[in-house]
C-alpha cells in the first residue's frame, strides 16, 4: 500500500495557473474596489464634489497600478 505513493510525480501546471490567476484577481479587484469606494465616499459624503472625487480616485488607481504591477525577478 505504501509503495503506491510516488512523491512529486503530479503535474501541477494547472494548479500554478489557478494560483496566479486567483492572486491577480484578488490584487486588481482590491484596487478596483478601493478606487470605487474612494470615489463614492468623496462624491457623496464630503463637499469635494464629482470632479474632485473623480480626480482623487484616478490618482489612487494610478498609484495602485504602479505599486501592484509585476516586477522583474531579481537575479540572485
PDB file of N, CA and C in Angstrom:
ATOM      1  N   UNK A   1       0.825  -1.183   0.000  1.00  0.00           N
ATOM      2  CA  UNK A   1       0.000   0.000   0.000  1.00  0.00           C
ATOM      3  C   UNK A   1       0.874   1.254   0.000  1.00  0.00           C
ATOM      4  N   UNK A   2       1.887   1.281   0.814  1.00  0.00           N
ATOM      5  CA  UNK A   2       2.764   2.449   0.866  1.00  0.00           C
ATOM      6  C   UNK A   2       3.578   2.582  -0.409  1.00  0.00           C
ATOM      7  N   UNK A   3       3.773   1.493  -1.118  1.00  0.00           N
ATOM      8  CA  UNK A   3       4.562   1.555  -2.345  1.00  0.00           C
ATOM      9  C   UNK A   3       3.791   2.216  -3.493  1.00  0.00           C
ATOM     10  N   UNK A   4       2.481   2.408  -3.347  1.00  0.00           N
ATOM     11  CA  UNK A   4       1.689   3.052  -4.390  1.00  0.00           C
ATOM     12  C   UNK A   4       1.874   4.568  -4.407  1.00  0.00           C
ATOM     13  N   UNK A   5       2.416   5.118  -3.356  1.00  0.00           N
ATOM     14  CA  UNK A   5       2.611   6.566  -3.257  1.00  0.00           C
ATOM     15  C   UNK A   5       3.928   6.946  -3.928  1.00  0.00           C
ATOM     16  N   UNK A   6       3.858   7.888  -4.857  1.00  0.00           N
ATOM     17  CA  UNK A   6       5.054   8.375  -5.545  1.00  0.00           C
ATOM     18  C   UNK A   6       5.133   9.882  -5.357  1.00  0.00           C
ATOM     19  N   UNK A   7       6.107  10.316  -4.631  1.00  0.00           N
ATOM     20  CA  UNK A   7       6.240  11.727  -4.293  1.00  0.00           C
ATOM     21  C   UNK A   7       6.685  12.540  -5.515  1.00  0.00           C
ATOM     22  N   UNK A   8       5.950  13.640  -5.774  1.00  0.00           N
ATOM     23  CA  UNK A   8       6.362  14.608  -6.776  1.00  0.00           C
ATOM     24  C   UNK A   8       6.127  14.231  -8.219  1.00  0.00           C
ATOM     25  N   UNK A   9       5.247  13.317  -8.514  1.00  0.00           N
ATOM     26  CA  UNK A   9       5.014  12.915  -9.893  1.00  0.00           C
ATOM     27  C   UNK A   9       3.818  13.615 -10.524  1.00  0.00           C
ATOM     28  N   UNK A  10       3.067  14.363  -9.748  1.00  0.00           N
ATOM     29  CA  UNK A  10       1.858  15.007 -10.262  1.00  0.00           C
ATOM     30  C   UNK A  10       2.211  16.277 -11.043  1.00  0.00           C
ATOM     31  N   UNK A  11       1.550  16.483 -12.169  1.00  0.00           N
ATOM     32  CA  UNK A  11       1.737  17.698 -12.959  1.00  0.00           C
ATOM     33  C   UNK A  11       0.907  18.818 -12.328  1.00  0.00           C
ATOM     34  N   UNK A  12       1.564  19.891 -11.909  1.00  0.00           N
ATOM     35  CA  UNK A  12       0.865  20.955 -11.184  1.00  0.00           C
ATOM     36  C   UNK A  12       0.764  22.247 -11.996  1.00  0.00           C
ATOM     37  N   UNK A  13       0.906  22.166 -13.301  1.00  0.00           N
ATOM     38  CA  UNK A  13       0.834  23.365 -14.143  1.00  0.00           C
ATOM     39  C   UNK A  13      -0.508  24.078 -13.992  1.00  0.00           C
ATOM     40  N   UNK A  14      -1.574  23.316 -13.998  1.00  0.00           N
ATOM     41  CA  UNK A  14      -2.904  23.905 -13.899  1.00  0.00           C
ATOM     42  C   UNK A  14      -3.134  24.527 -12.523  1.00  0.00           C
ATOM     43  N   UNK A  15      -2.628  23.891 -11.490  1.00  0.00           N
ATOM     44  CA  UNK A  15      -2.757  24.449 -10.144  1.00  0.00           C
ATOM     45  C   UNK A  15      -1.966  25.746 -10.011  1.00  0.00           C
ATOM     46  N   UNK A  16      -0.783  25.794 -10.606  1.00  0.00           N
ATOM     47  CA  UNK A  16       0.014  27.020 -10.576  1.00  0.00           C
ATOM     48  C   UNK A  16      -0.696  28.143 -11.318  1.00  0.00           C
ATOM     49  N   UNK A  17      -1.285  27.829 -12.456  1.00  0.00           N
ATOM     50  CA  UNK A  17      -2.006  28.843 -13.231  1.00  0.00           C
ATOM     51  C   UNK A  17      -3.217  29.359 -12.457  1.00  0.00           C
ATOM     52  N   UNK A  18      -3.922  28.467 -11.781  1.00  0.00           N
ATOM     53  CA  UNK A  18      -5.069  28.882 -10.969  1.00  0.00           C
ATOM     54  C   UNK A  18      -4.626  29.765  -9.815  1.00  0.00           C
ATOM     55  N   UNK A  19      -3.532  29.421  -9.174  1.00  0.00           N
ATOM     56  CA  UNK A  19      -2.997  30.211  -8.068  1.00  0.00           C
ATOM     57  C   UNK A  19      -2.615  31.613  -8.534  1.00  0.00           C
ATOM     58  N   UNK A  20      -1.932  31.705  -9.660  1.00  0.00           N
ATOM     59  CA  UNK A  20      -1.524  33.007 -10.201  1.00  0.00           C
ATOM     60  C   UNK A  20      -2.749  33.828 -10.580  1.00  0.00           C
ATOM     61  N   UNK A  21      -3.742  33.199 -11.210  1.00  0.00           N
ATOM     62  CA  UNK A  21      -4.952  33.913 -11.596  1.00  0.00           C
ATOM     63  C   UNK A  21      -5.716  34.408 -10.369  1.00  0.00           C
ATOM     64  N   UNK A  22      -5.846  33.577  -9.354  1.00  0.00           N
ATOM     65  CA  UNK A  22      -6.543  33.972  -8.131  1.00  0.00           C
ATOM     66  C   UNK A  22      -5.843  35.153  -7.464  1.00  0.00           C
ATOM     67  N   UNK A  23      -4.527  35.092  -7.378  1.00  0.00           N
ATOM     68  CA  UNK A  23      -3.785  36.200  -6.771  1.00  0.00           C
ATOM     69  C   UNK A  23      -3.926  37.477  -7.585  1.00  0.00           C
ATOM     70  N   UNK A  24      -3.898  37.368  -8.896  1.00  0.00           N
ATOM     71  CA  UNK A  24      -4.050  38.550  -9.746  1.00  0.00           C
ATOM     72  C   UNK A  24      -5.439  39.158  -9.605  1.00  0.00           C
ATOM     73  N   UNK A  25      -6.462  38.312  -9.626  1.00  0.00           N
ATOM     74  CA  UNK A  25      -7.824  38.823  -9.471  1.00  0.00           C
ATOM     75  C   UNK A  25      -8.033  39.463  -8.105  1.00  0.00           C
ATOM     76  N   UNK A  26      -7.450  38.881  -7.078  1.00  0.00           N
ATOM     77  CA  UNK A  26      -7.554  39.457  -5.741  1.00  0.00           C
ATOM     78  C   UNK A  26      -6.864  40.809  -5.680  1.00  0.00           C
ATOM     79  N   UNK A  27      -5.679  40.883  -6.243  1.00  0.00           N
ATOM     80  CA  UNK A  27      -4.890  42.111  -6.214  1.00  0.00           C
ATOM     81  C   UNK A  27      -5.585  43.231  -6.979  1.00  0.00           C
ATOM     82  N   UNK A  28      -5.953  42.974  -8.218  1.00  0.00           N
ATOM     83  CA  UNK A  28      -6.559  44.021  -9.046  1.00  0.00           C
ATOM     84  C   UNK A  28      -7.997  44.304  -8.630  1.00  0.00           C
ATOM     85  N   UNK A  29      -8.702  43.302  -8.148  1.00  0.00           N
ATOM     86  CA  UNK A  29     -10.055  43.528  -7.639  1.00  0.00           C
ATOM     87  C   UNK A  29     -10.057  44.401  -6.402  1.00  0.00           C
ATOM     88  N   UNK A  30      -9.078  44.200  -5.533  1.00  0.00           N
ATOM     89  CA  UNK A  30      -8.957  45.047  -4.343  1.00  0.00           C
ATOM     90  C   UNK A  30      -8.684  46.491  -4.728  1.00  0.00           C
ATOM     91  N   UNK A  31      -7.849  46.695  -5.722  1.00  0.00           N
ATOM     92  CA  UNK A  31      -7.571  48.058  -6.186  1.00  0.00           C
ATOM     93  C   UNK A  31      -8.823  48.693  -6.788  1.00  0.00           C
ATOM     94  N   UNK A  32      -9.574  47.935  -7.567  1.00  0.00           N
ATOM     95  CA  UNK A  32     -10.801  48.471  -8.167  1.00  0.00           C
ATOM     96  C   UNK A  32     -11.824  48.842  -7.097  1.00  0.00           C
ATOM     97  N   UNK A  33     -11.998  47.979  -6.112  1.00  0.00           N
ATOM     98  CA  UNK A  33     -12.947  48.264  -5.030  1.00  0.00           C
ATOM     99  C   UNK A  33     -12.491  49.477  -4.227  1.00  0.00           C
ATOM    100  N   UNK A  34     -11.195  49.569  -3.959  1.00  0.00           N
ATOM    101  CA  UNK A  34     -10.666  50.712  -3.218  1.00  0.00           C
ATOM    102  C   UNK A  34     -10.906  52.011  -3.966  1.00  0.00           C
ATOM    103  N   UNK A  35     -10.612  52.025  -5.252  1.00  0.00           N
ATOM    104  CA  UNK A  35     -10.823  53.239  -6.047  1.00  0.00           C
ATOM    105  C   UNK A  35     -12.301  53.612  -6.099  1.00  0.00           C
ATOM    106  N   UNK A  36     -13.156  52.622  -6.266  1.00  0.00           N
ATOM    107  CA  UNK A  36     -14.593  52.881  -6.299  1.00  0.00           C
ATOM    108  C   UNK A  36     -15.085  53.444  -4.972  1.00  0.00           C
ATOM    109  N   UNK A  37     -14.639  52.860  -3.867  1.00  0.00           N
ATOM    110  CA  UNK A  37     -15.058  53.351  -2.555  1.00  0.00           C
ATOM    111  C   UNK A  37     -14.553  54.766  -2.287  1.00  0.00           C
ATOM    112  N   UNK A  38     -13.315  55.052  -2.669  1.00  0.00           N
ATOM    113  CA  UNK A  38     -12.791  56.416  -2.511  1.00  0.00           C
ATOM    114  C   UNK A  38     -13.648  57.385  -3.309  1.00  0.00           C
ATOM    115  N   UNK A  39     -13.972  57.019  -4.539  1.00  0.00           N
ATOM    116  CA  UNK A  39     -14.775  57.890  -5.400  1.00  0.00           C
ATOM    117  C   UNK A  39     -16.163  58.131  -4.809  1.00  0.00           C
ATOM    118  N   UNK A  40     -16.824  57.056  -4.381  1.00  0.00           N
ATOM    119  CA  UNK A  40     -18.175  57.195  -3.832  1.00  0.00           C
ATOM    120  C   UNK A  40     -18.193  57.994  -2.531  1.00  0.00           C
ATOM    121  N   UNK A  41     -17.257  57.714  -1.637  1.00  0.00           N
ATOM    122  CA  UNK A  41     -17.225  58.423  -0.355  1.00  0.00           C
ATOM    123  C   UNK A  41     -16.947  59.904  -0.566  1.00  0.00           C
ATOM    124  N   UNK A  42     -15.976  60.212  -1.409  1.00  0.00           N
ATOM    125  CA  UNK A  42     -15.657  61.628  -1.623  1.00  0.00           C
ATOM    126  C   UNK A  42     -16.779  62.362  -2.350  1.00  0.00           C
ATOM    127  N   UNK A  43     -17.466  61.688  -3.258  1.00  0.00           N
ATOM    128  CA  UNK A  43     -18.521  62.359  -4.012  1.00  0.00           C
ATOM    129  C   UNK A  43     -19.754  62.605  -3.145  1.00  0.00           C
ATOM    130  N   UNK A  44     -20.181  61.595  -2.394  1.00  0.00           N
ATOM    131  CA  UNK A  44     -21.444  61.698  -1.674  1.00  0.00           C
ATOM    132  C   UNK A  44     -21.319  62.116  -0.208  1.00  0.00           C
ATOM    133  N   UNK A  45     -20.170  61.940   0.411  1.00  0.00           N
ATOM    134  CA  UNK A  45     -20.059  62.179   1.852  1.00  0.00           C
ATOM    135  C   UNK A  45     -19.218  63.399   2.211  1.00  0.00           C
ATOM    136  N   UNK A  46     -18.681  64.076   1.238  1.00  0.00           N
ATOM    137  CA  UNK A  46     -17.882  65.272   1.506  1.00  0.00           C
ATOM    138  C   UNK A  46     -18.278  66.353   0.511  1.00  0.00           C
ATOM    139  N   UNK A  47     -17.909  67.582   0.770  1.00  0.00           N
ATOM    140  CA  UNK A  47     -18.215  68.648  -0.188  1.00  0.00           C
ATOM    141  C   UNK A  47     -17.247  68.691  -1.376  1.00  0.00           C
ATOM    142  N   UNK A  48     -16.470  67.651  -1.574  1.00  0.00           N
ATOM    143  CA  UNK A  48     -15.490  67.614  -2.661  1.00  0.00           C
ATOM    144  C   UNK A  48     -16.150  67.706  -4.027  1.00  0.00           C
ATOM    145  N   UNK A  49     -17.270  67.038  -4.200  1.00  0.00           N
ATOM    146  CA  UNK A  49     -17.975  67.067  -5.473  1.00  0.00           C
ATOM    147  C   UNK A  49     -17.502  65.985  -6.421  1.00  0.00           C
ATOM    148  N   UNK A  50     -18.151  65.951  -7.583  1.00  0.00           N
ATOM    149  CA  UNK A  50     -17.881  64.906  -8.568  1.00  0.00           C
ATOM    150  C   UNK A  50     -16.468  64.995  -9.123  1.00  0.00           C
ATOM    151  N   UNK A  51     -16.063  66.179  -9.537  1.00  0.00           N
ATOM    152  CA  UNK A  51     -14.754  66.326 -10.175  1.00  0.00           C
ATOM    153  C   UNK A  51     -13.616  66.009  -9.204  1.00  0.00           C
ATOM    154  N   UNK A  52     -13.688  66.525  -7.994  1.00  0.00           N
ATOM    155  CA  UNK A  52     -12.647  66.237  -7.005  1.00  0.00           C
ATOM    156  C   UNK A  52     -12.574  64.768  -6.653  1.00  0.00           C
ATOM    157  N   UNK A  53     -13.729  64.137  -6.533  1.00  0.00           N
ATOM    158  CA  UNK A  53     -13.762  62.707  -6.225  1.00  0.00           C
ATOM    159  C   UNK A  53     -13.185  61.887  -7.373  1.00  0.00           C
ATOM    160  N   UNK A  54     -13.511  62.273  -8.598  1.00  0.00           N
ATOM    161  CA  UNK A  54     -13.011  61.550  -9.766  1.00  0.00           C
ATOM    162  C   UNK A  54     -11.500  61.673  -9.883  1.00  0.00           C
ATOM    163  N   UNK A  55     -10.986  62.876  -9.706  1.00  0.00           N
ATOM    164  CA  UNK A  55      -9.537  63.087  -9.793  1.00  0.00           C
ATOM    165  C   UNK A  55      -8.818  62.303  -8.700  1.00  0.00           C
ATOM    166  N   UNK A  56      -9.333  62.352  -7.486  1.00  0.00           N
ATOM    167  CA  UNK A  56      -8.701  61.637  -6.377  1.00  0.00           C
ATOM    168  C   UNK A  56      -8.741  60.125  -6.592  1.00  0.00           C
ATOM    169  N   UNK A  57      -9.869  59.603  -7.030  1.00  0.00           N
ATOM    170  CA  UNK A  57      -9.973  58.160  -7.287  1.00  0.00           C
ATOM    171  C   UNK A  57      -9.035  57.742  -8.417  1.00  0.00           C
ATOM    172  N   UNK A  58      -8.889  58.587  -9.429  1.00  0.00           N
ATOM    173  CA  UNK A  58      -7.969  58.296 -10.526  1.00  0.00           C
ATOM    174  C   UNK A  58      -6.528  58.259 -10.021  1.00  0.00           C
ATOM    175  N   UNK A  59      -6.169  59.195  -9.165  1.00  0.00           N
ATOM    176  CA  UNK A  59      -4.819  59.220  -8.605  1.00  0.00           C
ATOM    177  C   UNK A  59      -4.565  57.971  -7.761  1.00  0.00           C
ATOM    178  N   UNK A  60      -5.546  57.580  -6.962  1.00  0.00           N
ATOM    179  CA  UNK A  60      -5.415  56.352  -6.162  1.00  0.00           C
ATOM    180  C   UNK A  60      -5.227  55.149  -7.082  1.00  0.00           C
ATOM    181  N   UNK A  61      -5.970  55.090  -8.173  1.00  0.00           N
ATOM    182  CA  UNK A  61      -5.863  53.967  -9.107  1.00  0.00           C
ATOM    183  C   UNK A  61      -4.489  53.934  -9.775  1.00  0.00           C
ATOM    184  N   UNK A  62      -3.993  55.085 -10.187  1.00  0.00           N
ATOM    185  CA  UNK A  62      -2.678  55.134 -10.845  1.00  0.00           C
ATOM    186  C   UNK A  62      -1.578  54.711  -9.877  1.00  0.00           C
ATOM    187  N   UNK A  63      -1.624  55.226  -8.660  1.00  0.00           N
ATOM    188  CA  UNK A  63      -0.624  54.828  -7.661  1.00  0.00           C
ATOM    189  C   UNK A  63      -0.722  53.326  -7.386  1.00  0.00           C
ATOM    190  N   UNK A  64      -1.937  52.803  -7.313  1.00  0.00           N
ATOM    191  CA  UNK A  64      -2.123  51.374  -7.093  1.00  0.00           C
ATOM    192  C   UNK A  64      -1.561  50.530  -8.218  1.00  0.00           C
ATOM    193  N   UNK A  65      -1.752  50.965  -9.451  1.00  0.00           N
ATOM    194  CA  UNK A  65      -1.215  50.223 -10.597  1.00  0.00           C
ATOM    195  C   UNK A  65       0.306  50.218 -10.551  1.00  0.00           C
ATOM    196  N   UNK A  66       0.896  51.361 -10.233  1.00  0.00           N
ATOM    197  CA  UNK A  66       2.357  51.440 -10.159  1.00  0.00           C
ATOM    198  C   UNK A  66       2.891  50.514  -9.066  1.00  0.00           C
ATOM    199  N   UNK A  67       2.225  50.494  -7.928  1.00  0.00           N
ATOM    200  CA  UNK A  67       2.687  49.670  -6.807  1.00  0.00           C
ATOM    201  C   UNK A  67       2.434  48.183  -7.055  1.00  0.00           C
ATOM    202  N   UNK A  68       1.305  47.841  -7.670  1.00  0.00           N
ATOM    203  CA  UNK A  68       0.916  46.434  -7.799  1.00  0.00           C
ATOM    204  C   UNK A  68       1.396  45.739  -9.065  1.00  0.00           C
ATOM    205  N   UNK A  69       1.919  46.472 -10.035  1.00  0.00           N
ATOM    206  CA  UNK A  69       2.301  45.808 -11.283  1.00  0.00           C
ATOM    207  C   UNK A  69       3.435  44.821 -11.049  1.00  0.00           C
ATOM    208  N   UNK A  70       3.523  43.846 -11.947  1.00  0.00           N
ATOM    209  CA  UNK A  70       4.539  42.810 -11.836  1.00  0.00           C
ATOM    210  C   UNK A  70       5.925  43.421 -11.974  1.00  0.00           C
ATOM    211  N   UNK A  71       6.813  42.995 -11.104  1.00  0.00           N
ATOM    212  CA  UNK A  71       8.182  43.472 -11.143  1.00  0.00           C
ATOM    213  C   UNK A  71       9.076  42.346 -11.651  1.00  0.00           C
ATOM    214  N   UNK A  72      10.124  42.688 -12.369  1.00  0.00           N
ATOM    215  CA  UNK A  72      11.012  41.623 -12.850  1.00  0.00           C
ATOM    216  C   UNK A  72      11.685  40.915 -11.677  1.00  0.00           C
ATOM    217  N   UNK A  73      11.898  39.632 -11.851  1.00  0.00           N
ATOM    218  CA  UNK A  73      12.543  38.848 -10.801  1.00  0.00           C
ATOM    219  C   UNK A  73      13.981  39.314 -10.615  1.00  0.00           C
ATOM    220  N   UNK A  74      14.390  39.402  -9.371  1.00  0.00           N
ATOM    221  CA  UNK A  74      15.767  39.782  -9.069  1.00  0.00           C
ATOM    222  C   UNK A  74      16.662  38.558  -9.253  1.00  0.00           C
ATOM    223  N   UNK A  75      17.758  38.740  -9.947  1.00  0.00           N
ATOM    224  CA  UNK A  75      18.707  37.640 -10.130  1.00  0.00           C
ATOM    225  C   UNK A  75      19.603  37.556  -8.908  1.00  0.00           C
ATOM    226  N   UNK A  76      19.570  36.398  -8.278  1.00  0.00           N
ATOM    227  CA  UNK A  76      20.400  36.203  -7.083  1.00  0.00           C
ATOM    228  C   UNK A  76      21.448  35.180  -7.365  1.00  0.00           C
TER     229      UNK A  76
END
